[in-house]
PDB file of all heavy atoms in Angstrom:
ATOM      1  N   GLN A   1     183.443  68.055 142.057  1.00  0.00           N
ATOM      2  CA  GLN A   1     183.619  69.493 141.870  1.00  0.00           C
ATOM      3  C   GLN A   1     183.018  69.962 140.549  1.00  0.00           C
ATOM      4  O   GLN A   1     182.387  71.022 140.478  1.00  0.00           O
ATOM      5  CB  GLN A   1     185.093  69.897 141.956  1.00  0.00           C
ATOM      6  CG  GLN A   1     185.312  71.397 141.936  1.00  0.00           C
ATOM      7  CD  GLN A   1     184.661  72.090 143.117  1.00  0.00           C
ATOM      8  OE1 GLN A   1     184.819  71.669 144.255  1.00  0.00           O
ATOM      9  NE2 GLN A   1     183.919  73.157 142.869  1.00  0.00           N
ATOM     10  N   VAL A   2     183.209  69.179 139.498  1.00  0.00           N
ATOM     11  CA  VAL A   2     182.619  69.525 138.201  1.00  0.00           C
ATOM     12  C   VAL A   2     181.099  69.601 138.327  1.00  0.00           C
ATOM     13  O   VAL A   2     180.460  70.539 137.842  1.00  0.00           O
ATOM     14  CB  VAL A   2     183.042  68.509 137.118  1.00  0.00           C
ATOM     15  CG1 VAL A   2     182.198  68.672 135.862  1.00  0.00           C
ATOM     16  CG2 VAL A   2     184.521  68.669 136.783  1.00  0.00           C
ATOM     17  N   MET A   3     180.495  68.620 138.989  1.00  0.00           N
ATOM     18  CA  MET A   3     179.037  68.619 139.156  1.00  0.00           C
ATOM     19  C   MET A   3     178.583  69.820 139.990  1.00  0.00           C
ATOM     20  O   MET A   3     177.572  70.451 139.668  1.00  0.00           O
ATOM     21  CB  MET A   3     178.566  67.298 139.775  1.00  0.00           C
ATOM     22  CG  MET A   3     178.797  66.070 138.897  1.00  0.00           C
ATOM     23  SD  MET A   3     178.042  66.169 137.254  1.00  0.00           S
ATOM     24  CE  MET A   3     176.297  66.221 137.670  1.00  0.00           C
ATOM     25  N   LYS A   4     179.327  70.175 141.024  1.00  0.00           N
ATOM     26  CA  LYS A   4     178.988  71.358 141.826  1.00  0.00           C
ATOM     27  C   LYS A   4     179.045  72.616 140.963  1.00  0.00           C
ATOM     28  O   LYS A   4     178.179  73.494 141.064  1.00  0.00           O
ATOM     29  CB  LYS A   4     179.936  71.484 143.016  1.00  0.00           C
ATOM     30  CG  LYS A   4     179.717  70.443 144.087  1.00  0.00           C
ATOM     31  CD  LYS A   4     180.773  70.558 145.172  1.00  0.00           C
ATOM     32  CE  LYS A   4     180.683  69.397 146.144  1.00  0.00           C
ATOM     33  NZ  LYS A   4     181.778  69.413 147.121  1.00  0.00           N
ATOM     34  N   ASN A   5     180.083  72.711 140.125  1.00  0.00           N
ATOM     35  CA  ASN A   5     180.213  73.874 139.247  1.00  0.00           C
ATOM     36  C   ASN A   5     179.057  73.938 138.249  1.00  0.00           C
ATOM     37  O   ASN A   5     178.514  75.011 137.983  1.00  0.00           O
ATOM     38  CB  ASN A   5     181.553  73.856 138.518  1.00  0.00           C
ATOM     39  CG  ASN A   5     182.722  74.127 139.438  1.00  0.00           C
ATOM     40  OD1 ASN A   5     182.564  74.546 140.584  1.00  0.00           O
ATOM     41  ND2 ASN A   5     183.923  73.871 138.951  1.00  0.00           N
ATOM     42  N   LEU A   6     178.681  72.777 137.703  1.00  0.00           N
ATOM     43  CA  LEU A   6     177.558  72.737 136.762  1.00  0.00           C
ATOM     44  C   LEU A   6     176.269  73.182 137.451  1.00  0.00           C
ATOM     45  O   LEU A   6     175.496  73.973 136.892  1.00  0.00           O
ATOM     46  CB  LEU A   6     177.382  71.335 136.191  1.00  0.00           C
ATOM     47  CG  LEU A   6     178.441  70.886 135.186  1.00  0.00           C
ATOM     48  CD1 LEU A   6     178.365  69.388 134.960  1.00  0.00           C
ATOM     49  CD2 LEU A   6     178.309  71.649 133.872  1.00  0.00           C
ATOM     50  N   MET A   7     176.038  72.688 138.659  1.00  0.00           N
ATOM     51  CA  MET A   7     174.830  73.069 139.390  1.00  0.00           C
ATOM     52  C   MET A   7     174.815  74.565 139.678  1.00  0.00           C
ATOM     53  O   MET A   7     173.756  75.209 139.599  1.00  0.00           O
ATOM     54  CB  MET A   7     174.712  72.265 140.692  1.00  0.00           C
ATOM     55  CG  MET A   7     174.389  70.805 140.460  1.00  0.00           C
ATOM     56  SD  MET A   7     174.050  69.853 141.966  1.00  0.00           S
ATOM     57  CE  MET A   7     175.485  70.160 142.965  1.00  0.00           C
ATOM     58  N   ASP A   8     175.960  75.131 139.995  1.00  0.00           N
ATOM     59  CA  ASP A   8     176.073  76.568 140.249  1.00  0.00           C
ATOM     60  C   ASP A   8     175.676  77.356 139.003  1.00  0.00           C
ATOM     61  O   ASP A   8     174.860  78.279 139.069  1.00  0.00           O
ATOM     62  CB  ASP A   8     177.500  76.893 140.686  1.00  0.00           C
ATOM     63  CG  ASP A   8     177.696  78.342 141.081  1.00  0.00           C
ATOM     64  OD1 ASP A   8     176.708  79.098 141.209  1.00  0.00           O
ATOM     65  OD2 ASP A   8     178.865  78.730 141.264  1.00  0.00           O
ATOM     66  N   VAL A   9     176.231  76.988 137.858  1.00  0.00           N
ATOM     67  CA  VAL A   9     175.917  77.694 136.611  1.00  0.00           C
ATOM     68  C   VAL A   9     174.448  77.510 136.245  1.00  0.00           C
ATOM     69  O   VAL A   9     173.766  78.471 135.855  1.00  0.00           O
ATOM     70  CB  VAL A   9     176.841  77.236 135.462  1.00  0.00           C
ATOM     71  CG1 VAL A   9     176.402  77.845 134.138  1.00  0.00           C
ATOM     72  CG2 VAL A   9     178.294  77.608 135.765  1.00  0.00           C
ATOM     73  N   LEU A  10     173.936  76.297 136.393  1.00  0.00           N
ATOM     74  CA  LEU A  10     172.524  76.055 136.083  1.00  0.00           C
ATOM     75  C   LEU A  10     171.617  76.909 136.966  1.00  0.00           C
ATOM     76  O   LEU A  10     170.664  77.526 136.477  1.00  0.00           O
ATOM     77  CB  LEU A  10     172.177  74.576 136.266  1.00  0.00           C
ATOM     78  CG  LEU A  10     172.621  73.647 135.152  1.00  0.00           C
ATOM     79  CD1 LEU A  10     172.488  72.189 135.584  1.00  0.00           C
ATOM     80  CD2 LEU A  10     171.844  73.909 133.875  1.00  0.00           C
ATOM     81  N   LYS A  11     171.897  76.948 138.260  1.00  0.00           N
ATOM     82  CA  LYS A  11     171.069  77.729 139.188  1.00  0.00           C
ATOM     83  C   LYS A  11     171.066  79.201 138.790  1.00  0.00           C
ATOM     84  O   LYS A  11     170.014  79.840 138.733  1.00  0.00           O
ATOM     85  CB  LYS A  11     171.577  77.553 140.619  1.00  0.00           C
ATOM     86  CG  LYS A  11     170.752  78.297 141.634  1.00  0.00           C
ATOM     87  CD  LYS A  11     171.261  78.053 143.043  1.00  0.00           C
ATOM     88  CE  LYS A  11     170.409  78.826 144.051  1.00  0.00           C
ATOM     89  NZ  LYS A  11     170.894  78.643 145.414  1.00  0.00           N
ATOM     90  N   GLN A  12     172.249  79.735 138.510  1.00  0.00           N
ATOM     91  CA  GLN A  12     172.336  81.148 138.140  1.00  0.00           C
ATOM     92  C   GLN A  12     171.713  81.422 136.774  1.00  0.00           C
ATOM     93  O   GLN A  12     171.366  82.563 136.461  1.00  0.00           O
ATOM     94  CB  GLN A  12     173.784  81.624 138.181  1.00  0.00           C
ATOM     95  CG  GLN A  12     174.339  81.641 139.599  1.00  0.00           C
ATOM     96  CD  GLN A  12     175.667  82.324 139.682  1.00  0.00           C
ATOM     97  OE1 GLN A  12     175.762  83.516 139.448  1.00  0.00           O
ATOM     98  NE2 GLN A  12     176.699  81.559 140.030  1.00  0.00           N
ATOM     99  N   SER A  13     171.547  80.367 135.966  1.00  0.00           N
ATOM    100  CA  SER A  13     170.918  80.489 134.648  1.00  0.00           C
ATOM    101  C   SER A  13     169.410  80.294 134.708  1.00  0.00           C
ATOM    102  O   SER A  13     168.730  80.380 133.692  1.00  0.00           O
ATOM    103  CB  SER A  13     171.501  79.447 133.683  1.00  0.00           C
ATOM    104  OG  SER A  13     172.887  79.617 133.521  1.00  0.00           O
ATOM    105  N   GLY A  14     168.894  79.945 135.900  1.00  0.00           N
ATOM    106  CA  GLY A  14     167.466  79.728 136.047  1.00  0.00           C
ATOM    107  C   GLY A  14     167.033  78.307 135.739  1.00  0.00           C
ATOM    108  O   GLY A  14     165.879  78.069 135.371  1.00  0.00           O
ATOM    109  N   SER A  15     167.947  77.351 135.881  1.00  0.00           N
ATOM    110  CA  SER A  15     167.616  75.960 135.599  1.00  0.00           C
ATOM    111  C   SER A  15     168.177  75.081 136.711  1.00  0.00           C
ATOM    112  O   SER A  15     168.581  75.568 137.766  1.00  0.00           O
ATOM    113  CB  SER A  15     168.177  75.546 134.230  1.00  0.00           C
ATOM    114  OG  SER A  15     167.664  74.290 133.848  1.00  0.00           O
ATOM    115  N   SER A  16     168.197  73.769 136.473  1.00  0.00           N
ATOM    116  CA  SER A  16     168.693  72.825 137.471  1.00  0.00           C
ATOM    117  C   SER A  16     169.029  71.502 136.781  1.00  0.00           C
ATOM    118  O   SER A  16     168.712  71.287 135.609  1.00  0.00           O
ATOM    119  CB  SER A  16     167.625  72.581 138.536  1.00  0.00           C
ATOM    120  OG  SER A  16     166.513  71.918 137.955  1.00  0.00           O
ATOM    121  N   LEU A  17     169.657  70.610 137.539  1.00  0.00           N
ATOM    122  CA  LEU A  17     169.988  69.293 136.985  1.00  0.00           C
ATOM    123  C   LEU A  17     168.738  68.531 136.545  1.00  0.00           C
ATOM    124  O   LEU A  17     168.800  67.732 135.612  1.00  0.00           O
ATOM    125  CB  LEU A  17     170.757  68.457 138.008  1.00  0.00           C
ATOM    126  CG  LEU A  17     172.206  68.849 138.261  1.00  0.00           C
ATOM    127  CD1 LEU A  17     172.815  67.959 139.344  1.00  0.00           C
ATOM    128  CD2 LEU A  17     173.039  68.774 136.984  1.00  0.00           C
ATOM    129  N   GLU A  18     167.606  68.783 137.184  1.00  0.00           N
ATOM    130  CA  GLU A  18     166.367  68.103 136.817  1.00  0.00           C
ATOM    131  C   GLU A  18     165.906  68.462 135.415  1.00  0.00           C
ATOM    132  O   GLU A  18     165.090  67.775 134.831  1.00  0.00           O
ATOM    133  CB  GLU A  18     165.254  68.435 137.826  1.00  0.00           C
ATOM    134  CG  GLU A  18     165.471  67.854 139.206  1.00  0.00           C
ATOM    135  CD  GLU A  18     166.468  68.645 140.056  1.00  0.00           C
ATOM    136  OE1 GLU A  18     166.684  69.852 139.798  1.00  0.00           O
ATOM    137  OE2 GLU A  18     167.061  68.044 140.961  1.00  0.00           O
ATOM    138  N   ARG A  19     166.433  69.550 134.862  1.00  0.00           N
ATOM    139  CA  ARG A  19     166.008  70.025 133.537  1.00  0.00           C
ATOM    140  C   ARG A  19     167.054  69.750 132.459  1.00  0.00           C
ATOM    141  O   ARG A  19     166.934  70.220 131.331  1.00  0.00           O
ATOM    142  CB  ARG A  19     165.684  71.503 133.622  1.00  0.00           C
ATOM    143  CG  ARG A  19     164.660  71.728 134.744  1.00  0.00           C
ATOM    144  CD  ARG A  19     163.710  72.834 134.665  1.00  0.00           C
ATOM    145  NE  ARG A  19     163.298  73.378 133.426  1.00  0.00           N
ATOM    146  CZ  ARG A  19     162.155  73.068 132.798  1.00  0.00           C
ATOM    147  NH1 ARG A  19     161.362  72.155 133.281  1.00  0.00           N
ATOM    148  NH2 ARG A  19     161.828  73.678 131.688  1.00  0.00           N
ATOM    149  N   VAL A  20     168.085  68.990 132.795  1.00  0.00           N
ATOM    150  CA  VAL A  20     169.150  68.676 131.837  1.00  0.00           C
ATOM    151  C   VAL A  20     168.642  67.672 130.805  1.00  0.00           C
ATOM    152  O   VAL A  20     168.037  66.658 131.150  1.00  0.00           O
ATOM    153  CB  VAL A  20     170.401  68.131 132.565  1.00  0.00           C
ATOM    154  CG1 VAL A  20     171.432  67.615 131.577  1.00  0.00           C
ATOM    155  CG2 VAL A  20     170.997  69.220 133.453  1.00  0.00           C
ATOM    156  N   THR A  21     168.917  67.957 129.539  1.00  0.00           N
ATOM    157  CA  THR A  21     168.486  67.083 128.450  1.00  0.00           C
ATOM    158  C   THR A  21     169.636  66.273 127.858  1.00  0.00           C
ATOM    159  O   THR A  21     169.434  65.161 127.391  1.00  0.00           O
ATOM    160  CB  THR A  21     167.831  67.896 127.322  1.00  0.00           C
ATOM    161  OG1 THR A  21     168.769  68.857 126.832  1.00  0.00           O
ATOM    162  CG2 THR A  21     166.574  68.596 127.811  1.00  0.00           C
ATOM    163  N   PHE A  22     170.829  66.848 127.853  1.00  0.00           N
ATOM    164  CA  PHE A  22     171.971  66.180 127.221  1.00  0.00           C
ATOM    165  C   PHE A  22     173.265  66.552 127.935  1.00  0.00           C
ATOM    166  O   PHE A  22     173.450  67.707 128.317  1.00  0.00           O
ATOM    167  CB  PHE A  22     172.072  66.574 125.746  1.00  0.00           C
ATOM    168  CG  PHE A  22     173.135  65.823 125.005  1.00  0.00           C
ATOM    169  CD1 PHE A  22     172.908  64.526 124.581  1.00  0.00           C
ATOM    170  CD2 PHE A  22     174.371  66.390 124.760  1.00  0.00           C
ATOM    171  CE1 PHE A  22     173.898  63.815 123.916  1.00  0.00           C
ATOM    172  CE2 PHE A  22     175.363  65.683 124.095  1.00  0.00           C
ATOM    173  CZ  PHE A  22     175.122  64.390 123.671  1.00  0.00           C
ATOM    174  N   VAL A  23     174.149  65.560 128.093  1.00  0.00           N
ATOM    175  CA  VAL A  23     175.429  65.746 128.781  1.00  0.00           C
ATOM    176  C   VAL A  23     176.545  65.144 127.938  1.00  0.00           C
ATOM    177  O   VAL A  23     176.364  64.106 127.306  1.00  0.00           O
ATOM    178  CB  VAL A  23     175.399  65.036 130.165  1.00  0.00           C
ATOM    179  CG1 VAL A  23     176.752  65.112 130.844  1.00  0.00           C
ATOM    180  CG2 VAL A  23     174.316  65.613 131.045  1.00  0.00           C
ATOM    181  N   ARG A  24     177.699  65.814 127.963  1.00  0.00           N
ATOM    182  CA  ARG A  24     178.928  65.239 127.388  1.00  0.00           C
ATOM    183  C   ARG A  24     179.969  65.184 128.497  1.00  0.00           C
ATOM    184  O   ARG A  24     180.230  66.180 129.158  1.00  0.00           O
ATOM    185  CB  ARG A  24     179.460  66.089 126.237  1.00  0.00           C
ATOM    186  CG  ARG A  24     178.821  65.774 124.908  1.00  0.00           C
ATOM    187  CD  ARG A  24     179.459  66.589 123.793  1.00  0.00           C
ATOM    188  NE  ARG A  24     179.248  68.005 124.038  1.00  0.00           N
ATOM    189  CZ  ARG A  24     178.402  68.771 123.342  1.00  0.00           C
ATOM    190  NH1 ARG A  24     177.707  68.275 122.364  1.00  0.00           N
ATOM    191  NH2 ARG A  24     178.276  70.047 123.638  1.00  0.00           N
ATOM    192  N   VAL A  25     180.548  63.999 128.681  1.00  0.00           N
ATOM    193  CA  VAL A  25     181.601  63.778 129.662  1.00  0.00           C
ATOM    194  C   VAL A  25     182.892  63.542 128.893  1.00  0.00           C
ATOM    195  O   VAL A  25     182.925  62.727 127.969  1.00  0.00           O
ATOM    196  CB  VAL A  25     181.284  62.557 130.555  1.00  0.00           C
ATOM    197  CG1 VAL A  25     182.432  62.288 131.525  1.00  0.00           C
ATOM    198  CG2 VAL A  25     179.975  62.744 131.292  1.00  0.00           C
ATOM    199  N   TYR A  26     183.947  64.238 129.278  1.00  0.00           N
ATOM    200  CA  TYR A  26     185.262  64.078 128.660  1.00  0.00           C
ATOM    201  C   TYR A  26     186.194  63.458 129.694  1.00  0.00           C
ATOM    202  O   TYR A  26     186.344  63.987 130.788  1.00  0.00           O
ATOM    203  CB  TYR A  26     185.809  65.438 128.213  1.00  0.00           C
ATOM    204  CG  TYR A  26     184.882  66.170 127.274  1.00  0.00           C
ATOM    205  CD1 TYR A  26     183.899  67.025 127.777  1.00  0.00           C
ATOM    206  CD2 TYR A  26     184.972  66.005 125.897  1.00  0.00           C
ATOM    207  CE1 TYR A  26     183.034  67.698 126.929  1.00  0.00           C
ATOM    208  CE2 TYR A  26     184.114  66.676 125.037  1.00  0.00           C
ATOM    209  CZ  TYR A  26     183.141  67.517 125.560  1.00  0.00           C
ATOM    210  OH  TYR A  26     182.289  68.179 124.719  1.00  0.00           O
ATOM    211  N   LEU A  27     186.809  62.337 129.340  1.00  0.00           N
ATOM    212  CA  LEU A  27     187.716  61.632 130.247  1.00  0.00           C
ATOM    213  C   LEU A  27     189.090  61.488 129.627  1.00  0.00           C
ATOM    214  O   LEU A  27     189.215  61.055 128.474  1.00  0.00           O
ATOM    215  CB  LEU A  27     187.192  60.224 130.557  1.00  0.00           C
ATOM    216  CG  LEU A  27     185.973  60.099 131.439  1.00  0.00           C
ATOM    217  CD1 LEU A  27     185.574  58.639 131.558  1.00  0.00           C
ATOM    218  CD2 LEU A  27     186.245  60.698 132.801  1.00  0.00           C
ATOM    219  N   VAL A  28     190.127  61.795 130.396  1.00  0.00           N
ATOM    220  CA  VAL A  28     191.501  61.598 129.935  1.00  0.00           C
ATOM    221  C   VAL A  28     191.853  60.111 130.012  1.00  0.00           C
ATOM    222  O   VAL A  28     192.518  59.581 129.133  1.00  0.00           O
ATOM    223  CB  VAL A  28     192.490  62.451 130.761  1.00  0.00           C
ATOM    224  CG1 VAL A  28     193.929  62.096 130.421  1.00  0.00           C
ATOM    225  CG2 VAL A  28     192.225  63.935 130.522  1.00  0.00           C
ATOM    226  N   ASN A  29     191.385  59.425 131.038  1.00  0.00           N
ATOM    227  CA  ASN A  29     191.689  58.003 131.226  1.00  0.00           C
ATOM    228  C   ASN A  29     190.377  57.225 131.274  1.00  0.00           C
ATOM    229  O   ASN A  29     189.623  57.331 132.242  1.00  0.00           O
ATOM    230  CB  ASN A  29     192.476  57.810 132.518  1.00  0.00           C
ATOM    231  CG  ASN A  29     192.890  56.377 132.740  1.00  0.00           C
ATOM    232  OD1 ASN A  29     192.412  55.455 132.070  1.00  0.00           O
ATOM    233  ND2 ASN A  29     193.778  56.163 133.690  1.00  0.00           N
ATOM    234  N   PHE A  30     190.114  56.430 130.260  1.00  0.00           N
ATOM    235  CA  PHE A  30     188.845  55.711 130.211  1.00  0.00           C
ATOM    236  C   PHE A  30     188.744  54.627 131.275  1.00  0.00           C
ATOM    237  O   PHE A  30     187.666  54.094 131.521  1.00  0.00           O
ATOM    238  CB  PHE A  30     188.590  55.139 128.808  1.00  0.00           C
ATOM    239  CG  PHE A  30     187.278  55.627 128.249  1.00  0.00           C
ATOM    240  CD1 PHE A  30     187.190  56.856 127.630  1.00  0.00           C
ATOM    241  CD2 PHE A  30     186.130  54.873 128.389  1.00  0.00           C
ATOM    242  CE1 PHE A  30     185.986  57.324 127.142  1.00  0.00           C
ATOM    243  CE2 PHE A  30     184.907  55.333 127.911  1.00  0.00           C
ATOM    244  CZ  PHE A  30     184.843  56.555 127.285  1.00  0.00           C
ATOM    245  N   GLN A  31     189.835  54.326 131.942  1.00  0.00           N
ATOM    246  CA  GLN A  31     189.758  53.395 133.077  1.00  0.00           C
ATOM    247  C   GLN A  31     189.035  54.037 134.256  1.00  0.00           C
ATOM    248  O   GLN A  31     188.635  53.350 135.193  1.00  0.00           O
ATOM    249  CB  GLN A  31     191.152  52.916 133.475  1.00  0.00           C
ATOM    250  CG  GLN A  31     191.768  52.017 132.420  1.00  0.00           C
ATOM    251  CD  GLN A  31     193.140  51.515 132.802  1.00  0.00           C
ATOM    252  OE1 GLN A  31     193.669  51.851 133.855  1.00  0.00           O
ATOM    253  NE2 GLN A  31     193.708  50.688 131.948  1.00  0.00           N
ATOM    254  N   ASP A  32     188.829  55.354 134.212  1.00  0.00           N
ATOM    255  CA  ASP A  32     188.078  56.064 135.251  1.00  0.00           C
ATOM    256  C   ASP A  32     186.571  56.064 134.985  1.00  0.00           C
ATOM    257  O   ASP A  32     185.795  56.604 135.772  1.00  0.00           O
ATOM    258  CB  ASP A  32     188.546  57.528 135.344  1.00  0.00           C
ATOM    259  CG  ASP A  32     189.950  57.657 135.890  1.00  0.00           C
ATOM    260  OD1 ASP A  32     190.381  56.766 136.665  1.00  0.00           O
ATOM    261  OD2 ASP A  32     190.631  58.642 135.543  1.00  0.00           O
ATOM    262  N   PHE A  33     186.138  55.442 133.893  1.00  0.00           N
ATOM    263  CA  PHE A  33     184.737  55.460 133.464  1.00  0.00           C
ATOM    264  C   PHE A  33     183.781  55.044 134.582  1.00  0.00           C
ATOM    265  O   PHE A  33     182.811  55.744 134.879  1.00  0.00           O
ATOM    266  CB  PHE A  33     184.585  54.547 132.238  1.00  0.00           C
ATOM    267  CG  PHE A  33     183.222  54.556 131.619  1.00  0.00           C
ATOM    268  CD1 PHE A  33     182.801  55.613 130.829  1.00  0.00           C
ATOM    269  CD2 PHE A  33     182.367  53.482 131.799  1.00  0.00           C
ATOM    270  CE1 PHE A  33     181.545  55.613 130.238  1.00  0.00           C
ATOM    271  CE2 PHE A  33     181.108  53.463 131.207  1.00  0.00           C
ATOM    272  CZ  PHE A  33     180.698  54.536 130.430  1.00  0.00           C
ATOM    273  N   ASP A  34     184.040  53.924 135.237  1.00  0.00           N
ATOM    274  CA  ASP A  34     183.142  53.423 136.287  1.00  0.00           C
ATOM    275  C   ASP A  34     183.120  54.350 137.502  1.00  0.00           C
ATOM    276  O   ASP A  34     182.064  54.595 138.089  1.00  0.00           O
ATOM    277  CB  ASP A  34     183.520  52.003 136.711  1.00  0.00           C
ATOM    278  CG  ASP A  34     183.223  50.978 135.630  1.00  0.00           C
ATOM    279  OD1 ASP A  34     182.352  51.229 134.770  1.00  0.00           O
ATOM    280  OD2 ASP A  34     183.875  49.912 135.644  1.00  0.00           O
ATOM    281  N   LYS A  35     184.278  54.872 137.891  1.00  0.00           N
ATOM    282  CA  LYS A  35     184.351  55.793 139.038  1.00  0.00           C
ATOM    283  C   LYS A  35     183.547  57.064 138.763  1.00  0.00           C
ATOM    284  O   LYS A  35     182.798  57.534 139.620  1.00  0.00           O
ATOM    285  CB  LYS A  35     185.799  56.175 139.330  1.00  0.00           C
ATOM    286  CG  LYS A  35     186.652  55.063 139.881  1.00  0.00           C
ATOM    287  CD  LYS A  35     188.074  55.555 140.066  1.00  0.00           C
ATOM    288  CE  LYS A  35     188.998  54.440 140.481  1.00  0.00           C
ATOM    289  NZ  LYS A  35     190.400  54.919 140.574  1.00  0.00           N
ATOM    290  N   VAL A  36     183.720  57.616 137.571  1.00  0.00           N
ATOM    291  CA  VAL A  36     183.016  58.840 137.200  1.00  0.00           C
ATOM    292  C   VAL A  36     181.514  58.572 137.112  1.00  0.00           C
ATOM    293  O   VAL A  36     180.702  59.353 137.600  1.00  0.00           O
ATOM    294  CB  VAL A  36     183.579  59.421 135.885  1.00  0.00           C
ATOM    295  CG1 VAL A  36     182.692  60.547 135.354  1.00  0.00           C
ATOM    296  CG2 VAL A  36     185.006  59.904 136.099  1.00  0.00           C
ATOM    297  N   ASN A  37     181.124  57.445 136.517  1.00  0.00           N
ATOM    298  CA  ASN A  37     179.700  57.108 136.399  1.00  0.00           C
ATOM    299  C   ASN A  37     179.022  57.008 137.752  1.00  0.00           C
ATOM    300  O   ASN A  37     177.891  57.453 137.927  1.00  0.00           O
ATOM    301  CB  ASN A  37     179.511  55.785 135.657  1.00  0.00           C
ATOM    302  CG  ASN A  37     179.532  55.963 134.167  1.00  0.00           C
ATOM    303  OD1 ASN A  37     179.314  57.047 133.649  1.00  0.00           O
ATOM    304  ND2 ASN A  37     179.809  54.886 133.464  1.00  0.00           N
ATOM    305  N   LYS A  38     179.695  56.405 138.715  1.00  0.00           N
ATOM    306  CA  LYS A  38     179.119  56.236 140.046  1.00  0.00           C
ATOM    307  C   LYS A  38     178.780  57.593 140.661  1.00  0.00           C
ATOM    308  O   LYS A  38     177.709  57.785 141.239  1.00  0.00           O
ATOM    309  CB  LYS A  38     180.084  55.458 140.942  1.00  0.00           C
ATOM    310  CG  LYS A  38     179.555  55.203 142.331  1.00  0.00           C
ATOM    311  CD  LYS A  38     180.541  54.392 143.156  1.00  0.00           C
ATOM    312  CE  LYS A  38     180.000  54.169 144.564  1.00  0.00           C
ATOM    313  NZ  LYS A  38     180.938  53.445 145.404  1.00  0.00           N
ATOM    314  N   ILE A  39     179.684  58.536 140.535  1.00  0.00           N
ATOM    315  CA  ILE A  39     179.460  59.872 141.099  1.00  0.00           C
ATOM    316  C   ILE A  39     178.433  60.625 140.265  1.00  0.00           C
ATOM    317  O   ILE A  39     177.490  61.207 140.805  1.00  0.00           O
ATOM    318  CB  ILE A  39     180.792  60.637 141.153  1.00  0.00           C
ATOM    319  CG1 ILE A  39     181.683  59.867 142.027  1.00  0.00           C
ATOM    320  CG2 ILE A  39     180.585  62.104 141.527  1.00  0.00           C
ATOM    321  CD1 ILE A  39     182.683  60.068 142.824  1.00  0.00           C
TER     322      ILE A  39
END
């Protein structure tokens, strides 16, 4: 859902995931790191 929301904002801003230069991911539980990375 977060990725869908990001894509929505990027599209409306005139950009896309292909043009992303930097990302910050915030995790409450670092044991979710591998699950989040896969998606």
